[in-house]
Structures are given as structure tokens and as C-alpha cells.
């Protein structure tokens, strides 16, 4: 299971970096969202993967899963959703006002130079 999580995390990081390095604002927003999901998977896998175990102390500590990383990831997902929604609205408004989502044109840089 750890190998699958590591490959999925690496794939999410790779796709996120590819999207962040583009010039489109929408792709950058989607890339940062994918990057945070990759970080969530990384934190979850670093906390230890236990299948079928509730995050409570039962009989002994060998079947214990720490609930703190799960709570932090859940909080981070909610914050990520709010920030992504804000950035999408901001990008939509910038596209309506300026007519483009290209970062070079939004900066005012000349494309011919």
C-alpha cells in the first residue's frame, strides 16, 4: 500500500509542477490544488497506513492510528477548497476585465521582445 501511495504522491507532484510552470492562470490554480492534494497524501502516508483500524486506542497500542494527521489533513482540505474558490473567482474577474488569462499579458509585458 505504501508503494501505491508513493507513486500516486509522486505523480500528483509531477503533474502539479507541470501545471504551475505554465502561463495560464487557470492551470496554475489547478496545479496548486493538485499540489496540496499531493501533500495531503504525503502526510497521510508518513503518519502510517493502517487498514481497518479506527483512530482510537483499543486493546493495546499495536492497532492504534494517530488521529491528529487525519484531522490536520481534513482542515487543510477545507482551507484549500476556500482558497481555490477565491482564486477561481479572482481569475474569472481578471479574465472578464482584461480579456486574457495569460500571465505575460496580465503583467503588461510585451510578447514580441
PDB file of N, CA and C in Angstrom:
ATOM      1  N   UNK A   1       0.820  -1.199   0.000  1.00  0.00           N
ATOM      2  CA  UNK A   1       0.000   0.000   0.000  1.00  0.00           C
ATOM      3  C   UNK A   1       0.859   1.257   0.000  1.00  0.00           C
ATOM      4  N   UNK A   2       2.016   1.189   0.696  1.00  0.00           N
ATOM      5  CA  UNK A   2       2.890   2.350   0.733  1.00  0.00           C
ATOM      6  C   UNK A   2       3.462   2.672  -0.643  1.00  0.00           C
ATOM      7  N   UNK A   3       3.718   1.636  -1.428  1.00  0.00           N
ATOM      8  CA  UNK A   3       4.255   1.853  -2.773  1.00  0.00           C
ATOM      9  C   UNK A   3       3.231   2.551  -3.661  1.00  0.00           C
ATOM     10  N   UNK A   4       1.988   2.153  -3.562  1.00  0.00           N
ATOM     11  CA  UNK A   4       0.922   2.795  -4.347  1.00  0.00           C
ATOM     12  C   UNK A   4       0.761   4.252  -3.935  1.00  0.00           C
ATOM     13  N   UNK A   5       0.807   4.515  -2.635  1.00  0.00           N
ATOM     14  CA  UNK A   5       0.690   5.895  -2.149  1.00  0.00           C
ATOM     15  C   UNK A   5       1.889   6.737  -2.594  1.00  0.00           C
ATOM     16  N   UNK A   6       3.089   6.152  -2.585  1.00  0.00           N
ATOM     17  CA  UNK A   6       4.279   6.887  -3.007  1.00  0.00           C
ATOM     18  C   UNK A   6       4.222   7.221  -4.494  1.00  0.00           C
ATOM     19  N   UNK A   7       3.782   6.277  -5.302  1.00  0.00           N
ATOM     20  CA  UNK A   7       3.668   6.528  -6.743  1.00  0.00           C
ATOM     21  C   UNK A   7       2.590   7.564  -7.021  1.00  0.00           C
ATOM     22  N   UNK A   8       1.459   7.462  -6.334  1.00  0.00           N
ATOM     23  CA  UNK A   8       0.383   8.433  -6.526  1.00  0.00           C
ATOM     24  C   UNK A   8       0.814   9.832  -6.086  1.00  0.00           C
ATOM     25  N   UNK A   9       1.512   9.915  -4.960  1.00  0.00           N
ATOM     26  CA  UNK A   9       2.004  11.207  -4.482  1.00  0.00           C
ATOM     27  C   UNK A   9       3.001  11.804  -5.467  1.00  0.00           C
ATOM     28  N   UNK A  10       3.924  11.001  -5.952  1.00  0.00           N
ATOM     29  CA  UNK A  10       4.894  11.483  -6.928  1.00  0.00           C
ATOM     30  C   UNK A  10       4.241  11.924  -8.224  1.00  0.00           C
ATOM     31  N   UNK A  11       3.227  11.191  -8.657  1.00  0.00           N
ATOM     32  CA  UNK A  11       2.501  11.568  -9.869  1.00  0.00           C
ATOM     33  C   UNK A  11       1.755  12.888  -9.685  1.00  0.00           C
ATOM     34  N   UNK A  12       1.130  13.054  -8.521  1.00  0.00           N
ATOM     35  CA  UNK A  12       0.437  14.318  -8.241  1.00  0.00           C
ATOM     36  C   UNK A  12       1.418  15.484  -8.199  1.00  0.00           C
ATOM     37  N   UNK A  13       2.582  15.288  -7.575  1.00  0.00           N
ATOM     38  CA  UNK A  13       3.587  16.345  -7.536  1.00  0.00           C
ATOM     39  C   UNK A  13       4.081  16.684  -8.941  1.00  0.00           C
ATOM     40  N   UNK A  14       4.313  15.675  -9.770  1.00  0.00           N
ATOM     41  CA  UNK A  14       4.813  15.914 -11.120  1.00  0.00           C
ATOM     42  C   UNK A  14       3.802  16.673 -11.970  1.00  0.00           C
ATOM     43  N   UNK A  15       2.551  16.257 -11.925  1.00  0.00           N
ATOM     44  CA  UNK A  15       1.511  16.945 -12.698  1.00  0.00           C
ATOM     45  C   UNK A  15       1.310  18.367 -12.172  1.00  0.00           C
ATOM     46  N   UNK A  16       1.374  18.536 -10.847  1.00  0.00           N
ATOM     47  CA  UNK A  16       1.191  19.860 -10.262  1.00  0.00           C
ATOM     48  C   UNK A  16       2.309  20.815 -10.673  1.00  0.00           C
ATOM     49  N   UNK A  17       3.535  20.345 -10.650  1.00  0.00           N
ATOM     50  CA  UNK A  17       4.652  21.205 -11.057  1.00  0.00           C
ATOM     51  C   UNK A  17       4.546  21.549 -12.540  1.00  0.00           C
ATOM     52  N   UNK A  18       4.148  20.589 -13.358  1.00  0.00           N
ATOM     53  CA  UNK A  18       3.952  20.864 -14.785  1.00  0.00           C
ATOM     54  C   UNK A  18       2.883  21.940 -15.000  1.00  0.00           C
ATOM     55  N   UNK A  19       1.779  21.853 -14.268  1.00  0.00           N
ATOM     56  CA  UNK A  19       0.724  22.836 -14.423  1.00  0.00           C
ATOM     57  C   UNK A  19       1.123  24.200 -13.870  1.00  0.00           C
ATOM     58  N   UNK A  20       1.872  24.224 -12.777  1.00  0.00           N
ATOM     59  CA  UNK A  20       2.278  25.504 -12.190  1.00  0.00           C
ATOM     60  C   UNK A  20       3.260  26.236 -13.106  1.00  0.00           C
ATOM     61  N   UNK A  21       4.062  25.524 -13.871  1.00  0.00           N
ATOM     62  CA  UNK A  21       5.044  26.158 -14.744  1.00  0.00           C
ATOM     63  C   UNK A  21       4.443  26.681 -16.050  1.00  0.00           C
ATOM     64  N   UNK A  22       3.158  26.537 -16.248  1.00  0.00           N
ATOM     65  CA  UNK A  22       2.534  27.057 -17.462  1.00  0.00           C
ATOM     66  C   UNK A  22       2.210  28.539 -17.291  1.00  0.00           C
ATOM     67  N   UNK A  23       1.723  29.163 -18.365  1.00  0.00           N
ATOM     68  CA  UNK A  23       1.437  30.592 -18.328  1.00  0.00           C
ATOM     69  C   UNK A  23      -0.026  30.901 -18.098  1.00  0.00           C
ATOM     70  N   UNK A  24      -0.878  29.917 -18.105  1.00  0.00           N
ATOM     71  CA  UNK A  24      -2.302  30.131 -17.919  1.00  0.00           C
ATOM     72  C   UNK A  24      -2.637  30.177 -16.426  1.00  0.00           C
ATOM     73  N   UNK A  25      -3.432  31.154 -16.043  1.00  0.00           N
ATOM     74  CA  UNK A  25      -3.798  31.319 -14.639  1.00  0.00           C
ATOM     75  C   UNK A  25      -4.622  30.126 -14.155  1.00  0.00           C
ATOM     76  N   UNK A  26      -5.524  29.642 -14.981  1.00  0.00           N
ATOM     77  CA  UNK A  26      -6.361  28.501 -14.593  1.00  0.00           C
ATOM     78  C   UNK A  26      -5.521  27.254 -14.349  1.00  0.00           C
ATOM     79  N   UNK A  27      -4.524  27.023 -15.188  1.00  0.00           N
ATOM     80  CA  UNK A  27      -3.649  25.863 -14.982  1.00  0.00           C
ATOM     81  C   UNK A  27      -2.831  25.998 -13.700  1.00  0.00           C
ATOM     82  N   UNK A  28      -2.412  27.204 -13.378  1.00  0.00           N
ATOM     83  CA  UNK A  28      -1.651  27.428 -12.147  1.00  0.00           C
ATOM     84  C   UNK A  28      -2.528  27.161 -10.929  1.00  0.00           C
ATOM     85  N   UNK A  29      -3.769  27.587 -10.980  1.00  0.00           N
ATOM     86  CA  UNK A  29      -4.688  27.342  -9.864  1.00  0.00           C
ATOM     87  C   UNK A  29      -4.937  25.854  -9.693  1.00  0.00           C
ATOM     88  N   UNK A  30      -5.175  25.141 -10.796  1.00  0.00           N
ATOM     89  CA  UNK A  30      -5.376  23.692 -10.714  1.00  0.00           C
ATOM     90  C   UNK A  30      -4.101  22.984 -10.244  1.00  0.00           C
ATOM     91  N   UNK A  31      -2.941  23.495 -10.646  1.00  0.00           N
ATOM     92  CA  UNK A  31      -1.677  22.915 -10.206  1.00  0.00           C
ATOM     93  C   UNK A  31      -1.455  23.068  -8.715  1.00  0.00           C
ATOM     94  N   UNK A  32      -1.784  24.236  -8.169  1.00  0.00           N
ATOM     95  CA  UNK A  32      -1.620  24.407  -6.721  1.00  0.00           C
ATOM     96  C   UNK A  32      -2.609  23.539  -5.951  1.00  0.00           C
ATOM     97  N   UNK A  33      -3.794  23.355  -6.498  1.00  0.00           N
ATOM     98  CA  UNK A  33      -4.759  22.475  -5.850  1.00  0.00           C
ATOM     99  C   UNK A  33      -4.266  21.026  -5.858  1.00  0.00           C
ATOM    100  N   UNK A  34      -3.720  20.575  -6.985  1.00  0.00           N
ATOM    101  CA  UNK A  34      -3.171  19.224  -7.049  1.00  0.00           C
ATOM    102  C   UNK A  34      -1.953  19.074  -6.141  1.00  0.00           C
ATOM    103  N   UNK A  35      -1.168  20.138  -6.024  1.00  0.00           N
ATOM    104  CA  UNK A  35      -0.001  20.080  -5.152  1.00  0.00           C
ATOM    105  C   UNK A  35      -0.410  19.899  -3.694  1.00  0.00           C
ATOM    106  N   UNK A  36      -1.454  20.583  -3.268  1.00  0.00           N
ATOM    107  CA  UNK A  36      -1.904  20.416  -1.889  1.00  0.00           C
ATOM    108  C   UNK A  36      -2.481  19.015  -1.662  1.00  0.00           C
ATOM    109  N   UNK A  37      -3.134  18.450  -2.657  1.00  0.00           N
ATOM    110  CA  UNK A  37      -3.627  17.086  -2.505  1.00  0.00           C
ATOM    111  C   UNK A  37      -2.464  16.089  -2.435  1.00  0.00           C
ATOM    112  N   UNK A  38      -1.398  16.366  -3.180  1.00  0.00           N
ATOM    113  CA  UNK A  38      -0.206  15.538  -3.064  1.00  0.00           C
ATOM    114  C   UNK A  38       0.416  15.623  -1.678  1.00  0.00           C
ATOM    115  N   UNK A  39       0.420  16.818  -1.103  1.00  0.00           N
ATOM    116  CA  UNK A  39       0.934  16.990   0.258  1.00  0.00           C
ATOM    117  C   UNK A  39       0.049  16.255   1.252  1.00  0.00           C
ATOM    118  N   UNK A  40      -1.257  16.259   1.025  1.00  0.00           N
ATOM    119  CA  UNK A  40      -2.165  15.523   1.913  1.00  0.00           C
ATOM    120  C   UNK A  40      -1.848  14.033   1.894  1.00  0.00           C
ATOM    121  N   UNK A  41      -1.652  13.487   0.703  1.00  0.00           N
ATOM    122  CA  UNK A  41      -1.315  12.066   0.612  1.00  0.00           C
ATOM    123  C   UNK A  41       0.044  11.772   1.242  1.00  0.00           C
ATOM    124  N   UNK A  42       0.985  12.708   1.084  1.00  0.00           N
ATOM    125  CA  UNK A  42       2.297  12.522   1.685  1.00  0.00           C
ATOM    126  C   UNK A  42       2.205  12.514   3.207  1.00  0.00           C
ATOM    127  N   UNK A  43       1.455  13.443   3.765  1.00  0.00           N
ATOM    128  CA  UNK A  43       1.288  13.484   5.219  1.00  0.00           C
ATOM    129  C   UNK A  43       0.576  12.236   5.737  1.00  0.00           C
ATOM    130  N   UNK A  44      -0.428  11.795   5.005  1.00  0.00           N
ATOM    131  CA  UNK A  44      -1.165  10.608   5.431  1.00  0.00           C
ATOM    132  C   UNK A  44      -0.290   9.361   5.388  1.00  0.00           C
ATOM    133  N   UNK A  45       0.522   9.239   4.357  1.00  0.00           N
ATOM    134  CA  UNK A  45       1.383   8.068   4.274  1.00  0.00           C
ATOM    135  C   UNK A  45       2.539   8.141   5.272  1.00  0.00           C
ATOM    136  N   UNK A  46       3.011   9.339   5.591  1.00  0.00           N
ATOM    137  CA  UNK A  46       4.066   9.468   6.589  1.00  0.00           C
ATOM    138  C   UNK A  46       3.548   9.184   7.998  1.00  0.00           C
ATOM    139  N   UNK A  47       2.260   9.395   8.224  1.00  0.00           N
ATOM    140  CA  UNK A  47       1.682   9.121   9.539  1.00  0.00           C
ATOM    141  C   UNK A  47       1.513   7.618   9.765  1.00  0.00           C
ATOM    142  N   UNK A  48       1.576   6.850   8.714  1.00  0.00           N
ATOM    143  CA  UNK A  48       1.435   5.401   8.846  1.00  0.00           C
ATOM    144  C   UNK A  48       0.077   4.946   8.351  1.00  0.00           C
ATOM    145  N   UNK A  49       0.101   3.960   7.479  1.00  0.00           N
ATOM    146  CA  UNK A  49      -1.134   3.455   6.897  1.00  0.00           C
ATOM    147  C   UNK A  49      -1.547   2.186   7.621  1.00  0.00           C
ATOM    148  N   UNK A  50      -2.696   2.218   8.218  1.00  0.00           N
ATOM    149  CA  UNK A  50      -3.255   1.033   8.874  1.00  0.00           C
ATOM    150  C   UNK A  50      -4.627   0.796   8.262  1.00  0.00           C
ATOM    151  N   UNK A  51      -4.858  -0.384   7.760  1.00  0.00           N
ATOM    152  CA  UNK A  51      -6.135  -0.677   7.138  1.00  0.00           C
ATOM    153  C   UNK A  51      -7.093  -1.257   8.162  1.00  0.00           C
ATOM    154  N   UNK A  52      -8.285  -0.738   8.159  1.00  0.00           N
ATOM    155  CA  UNK A  52      -9.338  -1.274   9.003  1.00  0.00           C
ATOM    156  C   UNK A  52      -9.213  -0.964  10.478  1.00  0.00           C
ATOM    157  N   UNK A  53      -8.439   0.060  10.819  1.00  0.00           N
ATOM    158  CA  UNK A  53      -8.235   0.412  12.222  1.00  0.00           C
ATOM    159  C   UNK A  53      -8.812   1.792  12.459  1.00  0.00           C
ATOM    160  N   UNK A  54      -9.637   1.906  13.474  1.00  0.00           N
ATOM    161  CA  UNK A  54     -10.191   3.202  13.834  1.00  0.00           C
ATOM    162  C   UNK A  54      -9.143   4.022  14.579  1.00  0.00           C
ATOM    163  N   UNK A  55      -9.181   5.359  14.476  1.00  0.00           N
ATOM    164  CA  UNK A  55      -8.189   6.178  15.176  1.00  0.00           C
ATOM    165  C   UNK A  55      -8.495   6.303  16.665  1.00  0.00           C
ATOM    166  N   UNK A  56      -8.656   5.199  17.332  1.00  0.00           N
ATOM    167  CA  UNK A  56      -8.929   5.157  18.764  1.00  0.00           C
ATOM    168  C   UNK A  56      -8.044   4.100  19.397  1.00  0.00           C
ATOM    169  N   UNK A  57      -7.745   4.281  20.669  1.00  0.00           N
ATOM    170  CA  UNK A  57      -6.957   3.271  21.369  1.00  0.00           C
ATOM    171  C   UNK A  57      -7.886   2.159  21.814  1.00  0.00           C
ATOM    172  N   UNK A  58      -7.621   0.991  21.316  1.00  0.00           N
ATOM    173  CA  UNK A  58      -8.420  -0.171  21.681  1.00  0.00           C
ATOM    174  C   UNK A  58      -7.662  -1.033  22.669  1.00  0.00           C
ATOM    175  N   UNK A  59      -7.552  -2.287  22.368  1.00  0.00           N
ATOM    176  CA  UNK A  59      -6.803  -3.213  23.220  1.00  0.00           C
ATOM    177  C   UNK A  59      -5.333  -3.160  22.816  1.00  0.00           C
ATOM    178  N   UNK A  60      -4.533  -2.502  23.604  1.00  0.00           N
ATOM    179  CA  UNK A  60      -3.117  -2.378  23.293  1.00  0.00           C
ATOM    180  C   UNK A  60      -2.861  -1.233  22.329  1.00  0.00           C
ATOM    181  N   UNK A  61      -1.613  -0.984  22.073  1.00  0.00           N
ATOM    182  CA  UNK A  61      -1.262   0.127  21.191  1.00  0.00           C
ATOM    183  C   UNK A  61      -0.801  -0.328  19.817  1.00  0.00           C
ATOM    184  N   UNK A  62      -0.788  -1.617  19.524  1.00  0.00           N
ATOM    185  CA  UNK A  62      -0.342  -2.071  18.206  1.00  0.00           C
ATOM    186  C   UNK A  62      -1.370  -1.800  17.125  1.00  0.00           C
ATOM    187  N   UNK A  63      -2.614  -1.594  17.488  1.00  0.00           N
ATOM    188  CA  UNK A  63      -3.649  -1.302  16.493  1.00  0.00           C
ATOM    189  C   UNK A  63      -4.109   0.145  16.595  1.00  0.00           C
ATOM    190  N   UNK A  64      -3.192   1.014  17.001  1.00  0.00           N
ATOM    191  CA  UNK A  64      -3.537   2.423  17.196  1.00  0.00           C
ATOM    192  C   UNK A  64      -3.141   3.239  15.970  1.00  0.00           C
ATOM    193  N   UNK A  65      -4.035   4.075  15.509  1.00  0.00           N
ATOM    194  CA  UNK A  65      -3.753   5.019  14.440  1.00  0.00           C
ATOM    195  C   UNK A  65      -3.919   6.423  14.994  1.00  0.00           C
ATOM    196  N   UNK A  66      -2.933   7.263  14.750  1.00  0.00           N
ATOM    197  CA  UNK A  66      -2.954   8.617  15.284  1.00  0.00           C
ATOM    198  C   UNK A  66      -4.002   9.450  14.550  1.00  0.00           C
ATOM    199  N   UNK A  67      -4.966  10.052  15.252  1.00  0.00           N
ATOM    200  CA  UNK A  67      -6.000  10.831  14.573  1.00  0.00           C
ATOM    201  C   UNK A  67      -5.569  12.248  14.216  1.00  0.00           C
ATOM    202  N   UNK A  68      -4.439  12.721  14.747  1.00  0.00           N
ATOM    203  CA  UNK A  68      -4.019  14.101  14.503  1.00  0.00           C
ATOM    204  C   UNK A  68      -3.716  14.384  13.028  1.00  0.00           C
ATOM    205  N   UNK A  69      -2.951  13.540  12.309  1.00  0.00           N
ATOM    206  CA  UNK A  69      -2.737  13.824  10.881  1.00  0.00           C
ATOM    207  C   UNK A  69      -4.029  13.834  10.076  1.00  0.00           C
ATOM    208  N   UNK A  70      -4.969  12.960  10.427  1.00  0.00           N
ATOM    209  CA  UNK A  70      -6.245  12.944   9.707  1.00  0.00           C
ATOM    210  C   UNK A  70      -7.018  14.237   9.934  1.00  0.00           C
ATOM    211  N   UNK A  71      -6.989  14.740  11.158  1.00  0.00           N
ATOM    212  CA  UNK A  71      -7.685  15.992  11.461  1.00  0.00           C
ATOM    213  C   UNK A  71      -7.014  17.175  10.770  1.00  0.00           C
ATOM    214  N   UNK A  72      -5.690  17.188  10.754  1.00  0.00           N
ATOM    215  CA  UNK A  72      -4.976  18.274  10.087  1.00  0.00           C
ATOM    216  C   UNK A  72      -5.209  18.253   8.577  1.00  0.00           C
ATOM    217  N   UNK A  73      -5.248  17.070   8.000  1.00  0.00           N
ATOM    218  CA  UNK A  73      -5.493  16.961   6.563  1.00  0.00           C
ATOM    219  C   UNK A  73      -6.913  17.400   6.232  1.00  0.00           C
ATOM    220  N   UNK A  74      -7.866  17.017   7.052  1.00  0.00           N
ATOM    221  CA  UNK A  74      -9.246  17.444   6.822  1.00  0.00           C
ATOM    222  C   UNK A  74      -9.372  18.963   6.896  1.00  0.00           C
ATOM    223  N   UNK A  75      -8.711  19.570   7.870  1.00  0.00           N
ATOM    224  CA  UNK A  75      -8.716  21.026   7.973  1.00  0.00           C
ATOM    225  C   UNK A  75      -8.051  21.659   6.763  1.00  0.00           C
ATOM    226  N   UNK A  76      -6.954  21.074   6.309  1.00  0.00           N
ATOM    227  CA  UNK A  76      -6.244  21.604   5.150  1.00  0.00           C
ATOM    228  C   UNK A  76      -7.070  21.474   3.871  1.00  0.00           C
ATOM    229  N   UNK A  77      -7.859  20.419   3.754  1.00  0.00           N
ATOM    230  CA  UNK A  77      -8.723  20.266   2.583  1.00  0.00           C
ATOM    231  C   UNK A  77      -9.770  21.368   2.538  1.00  0.00           C
ATOM    232  N   UNK A  78     -10.339  21.695   3.684  1.00  0.00           N
ATOM    233  CA  UNK A  78     -11.351  22.754   3.737  1.00  0.00           C
ATOM    234  C   UNK A  78     -10.726  24.097   3.397  1.00  0.00           C
ATOM    235  N   UNK A  79      -9.541  24.378   3.941  1.00  0.00           N
ATOM    236  CA  UNK A  79      -8.862  25.636   3.632  1.00  0.00           C
ATOM    237  C   UNK A  79      -8.486  25.689   2.162  1.00  0.00           C
ATOM    238  N   UNK A  80      -8.008  24.578   1.612  1.00  0.00           N
ATOM    239  CA  UNK A  80      -7.653  24.522   0.200  1.00  0.00           C
ATOM    240  C   UNK A  80      -8.869  24.776  -0.683  1.00  0.00           C
ATOM    241  N   UNK A  81     -10.012  24.242  -0.307  1.00  0.00           N
ATOM    242  CA  UNK A  81     -11.227  24.477  -1.090  1.00  0.00           C
ATOM    243  C   UNK A  81     -11.594  25.961  -1.101  1.00  0.00           C
ATOM    244  N   UNK A  82     -11.503  26.617   0.049  1.00  0.00           N
ATOM    245  CA  UNK A  82     -11.823  28.034   0.123  1.00  0.00           C
ATOM    246  C   UNK A  82     -10.850  28.886  -0.679  1.00  0.00           C
ATOM    247  N   UNK A  83      -9.564  28.594  -0.580  1.00  0.00           N
ATOM    248  CA  UNK A  83      -8.555  29.370  -1.311  1.00  0.00           C
ATOM    249  C   UNK A  83      -8.692  29.143  -2.811  1.00  0.00           C
ATOM    250  N   UNK A  84      -8.937  27.901  -3.213  1.00  0.00           N
ATOM    251  CA  UNK A  84      -9.117  27.612  -4.639  1.00  0.00           C
ATOM    252  C   UNK A  84     -10.353  28.309  -5.192  1.00  0.00           C
ATOM    253  N   UNK A  85     -11.442  28.310  -4.441  1.00  0.00           N
ATOM    254  CA  UNK A  85     -12.650  29.006  -4.882  1.00  0.00           C
ATOM    255  C   UNK A  85     -12.384  30.503  -5.022  1.00  0.00           C
ATOM    256  N   UNK A  86     -11.651  31.086  -4.065  1.00  0.00           N
ATOM    257  CA  UNK A  86     -11.319  32.507  -4.148  1.00  0.00           C
ATOM    258  C   UNK A  86     -10.461  32.807  -5.372  1.00  0.00           C
ATOM    259  N   UNK A  87      -9.439  31.978  -5.619  1.00  0.00           N
ATOM    260  CA  UNK A  87      -8.570  32.207  -6.770  1.00  0.00           C
ATOM    261  C   UNK A  87      -9.307  32.014  -8.089  1.00  0.00           C
ATOM    262  N   UNK A  88     -10.248  31.071  -8.141  1.00  0.00           N
ATOM    263  CA  UNK A  88     -11.028  30.891  -9.360  1.00  0.00           C
ATOM    264  C   UNK A  88     -11.906  32.103  -9.646  1.00  0.00           C
ATOM    265  N   UNK A  89     -12.512  32.655  -8.608  1.00  0.00           N
ATOM    266  CA  UNK A  89     -13.325  33.870  -8.787  1.00  0.00           C
ATOM    267  C   UNK A  89     -12.440  35.036  -9.198  1.00  0.00           C
ATOM    268  N   UNK A  90     -11.256  35.145  -8.593  1.00  0.00           N
ATOM    269  CA  UNK A  90     -10.321  36.209  -8.939  1.00  0.00           C
ATOM    270  C   UNK A  90      -9.854  36.084 -10.389  1.00  0.00           C
ATOM    271  N   UNK A  91      -9.570  34.862 -10.831  1.00  0.00           N
ATOM    272  CA  UNK A  91      -9.145  34.642 -12.211  1.00  0.00           C
ATOM    273  C   UNK A  91     -10.286  34.924 -13.188  1.00  0.00           C
ATOM    274  N   UNK A  92     -11.497  34.555 -12.813  1.00  0.00           N
ATOM    275  CA  UNK A  92     -12.653  34.836 -13.668  1.00  0.00           C
ATOM    276  C   UNK A  92     -12.861  36.339 -13.831  1.00  0.00           C
ATOM    277  N   UNK A  93     -12.733  37.059 -12.728  1.00  0.00           N
ATOM    278  CA  UNK A  93     -12.901  38.523 -12.781  1.00  0.00           C
ATOM    279  C   UNK A  93     -11.784  39.180 -13.589  1.00  0.00           C
ATOM    280  N   UNK A  94     -10.564  38.691 -13.441  1.00  0.00           N
ATOM    281  CA  UNK A  94      -9.449  39.231 -14.228  1.00  0.00           C
ATOM    282  C   UNK A  94      -9.637  38.923 -15.714  1.00  0.00           C
ATOM    283  N   UNK A  95     -10.173  37.749 -16.022  1.00  0.00           N
ATOM    284  CA  UNK A  95     -10.433  37.398 -17.407  1.00  0.00           C
ATOM    285  C   UNK A  95     -11.539  38.260 -17.996  1.00  0.00           C
ATOM    286  N   UNK A  96     -12.559  38.556 -17.202  1.00  0.00           N
ATOM    287  CA  UNK A  96     -13.625  39.437 -17.682  1.00  0.00           C
ATOM    288  C   UNK A  96     -13.114  40.853 -17.911  1.00  0.00           C
ATOM    289  N   UNK A  97     -12.302  41.339 -17.001  1.00  0.00           N
ATOM    290  CA  UNK A  97     -11.830  42.721 -17.084  1.00  0.00           C
ATOM    291  C   UNK A  97     -10.773  42.900 -18.174  1.00  0.00           C
ATOM    292  N   UNK A  98      -9.777  42.018 -18.221  1.00  0.00           N
ATOM    293  CA  UNK A  98      -8.647  42.186 -19.119  1.00  0.00           C
ATOM    294  C   UNK A  98      -8.752  41.362 -20.395  1.00  0.00           C
ATOM    295  N   UNK A  99      -9.626  40.371 -20.404  1.00  0.00           N
ATOM    296  CA  UNK A  99      -9.844  39.581 -21.610  1.00  0.00           C
ATOM    297  C   UNK A  99      -8.817  38.503 -21.865  1.00  0.00           C
ATOM    298  N   UNK A 100      -8.000  38.157 -20.893  1.00  0.00           N
ATOM    299  CA  UNK A 100      -6.992  37.116 -21.079  1.00  0.00           C
ATOM    300  C   UNK A 100      -6.689  36.441 -19.751  1.00  0.00           C
ATOM    301  N   UNK A 101      -6.120  35.240 -19.844  1.00  0.00           N
ATOM    302  CA  UNK A 101      -5.628  34.575 -18.641  1.00  0.00           C
ATOM    303  C   UNK A 101      -4.147  34.252 -18.760  1.00  0.00           C
ATOM    304  N   UNK A 102      -3.474  34.841 -19.747  1.00  0.00           N
ATOM    305  CA  UNK A 102      -2.045  34.669 -19.941  1.00  0.00           C
ATOM    306  C   UNK A 102      -1.293  35.572 -18.964  1.00  0.00           C
ATOM    307  N   UNK A 103      -0.370  34.990 -18.216  1.00  0.00           N
ATOM    308  CA  UNK A 103       0.339  35.761 -17.200  1.00  0.00           C
ATOM    309  C   UNK A 103       1.200  36.862 -17.782  1.00  0.00           C
ATOM    310  N   UNK A 104       1.800  36.629 -18.949  1.00  0.00           N
ATOM    311  CA  UNK A 104       2.624  37.676 -19.559  1.00  0.00           C
ATOM    312  C   UNK A 104       1.783  38.877 -19.953  1.00  0.00           C
ATOM    313  N   UNK A 105       0.586  38.632 -20.460  1.00  0.00           N
ATOM    314  CA  UNK A 105      -0.282  39.746 -20.831  1.00  0.00           C
ATOM    315  C   UNK A 105      -0.868  40.425 -19.596  1.00  0.00           C
ATOM    316  N   UNK A 106      -1.099  39.660 -18.539  1.00  0.00           N
ATOM    317  CA  UNK A 106      -1.605  40.267 -17.301  1.00  0.00           C
ATOM    318  C   UNK A 106      -0.554  41.141 -16.642  1.00  0.00           C
ATOM    319  N   UNK A 107       0.724  40.790 -16.762  1.00  0.00           N
ATOM    320  CA  UNK A 107       1.801  41.620 -16.230  1.00  0.00           C
ATOM    321  C   UNK A 107       2.021  42.876 -17.038  1.00  0.00           C
ATOM    322  N   UNK A 108       1.583  42.865 -18.283  1.00  0.00           N
ATOM    323  CA  UNK A 108       1.792  44.011 -19.157  1.00  0.00           C
ATOM    324  C   UNK A 108       3.062  43.896 -19.953  1.00  0.00           C
ATOM    325  N   UNK A 109       3.681  42.739 -19.939  1.00  0.00           N
ATOM    326  CA  UNK A 109       4.921  42.527 -20.698  1.00  0.00           C
ATOM    327  C   UNK A 109       4.622  42.380 -22.182  1.00  0.00           C
ATOM    328  N   UNK A 110       5.570  42.820 -23.004  1.00  0.00           N
ATOM    329  CA  UNK A 110       5.399  42.720 -24.447  1.00  0.00           C
ATOM    330  C   UNK A 110       5.837  41.340 -24.902  1.00  0.00           C
ATOM    331  N   UNK A 111       5.014  40.680 -25.691  1.00  0.00           N
ATOM    332  CA  UNK A 111       5.305  39.320 -26.137  1.00  0.00           C
ATOM    333  C   UNK A 111       6.316  39.295 -27.281  1.00  0.00           C
ATOM    334  N   UNK A 112       6.529  40.408 -27.991  1.00  0.00           N
ATOM    335  CA  UNK A 112       7.393  40.421 -29.162  1.00  0.00           C
ATOM    336  C   UNK A 112       8.869  40.543 -28.794  1.00  0.00           C
ATOM    337  N   UNK A 113       9.198  40.936 -27.601  1.00  0.00           N
ATOM    338  CA  UNK A 113      10.601  41.130 -27.223  1.00  0.00           C
ATOM    339  C   UNK A 113      11.299  39.835 -26.962  1.00  0.00           C
TER     340      UNK A 113
END
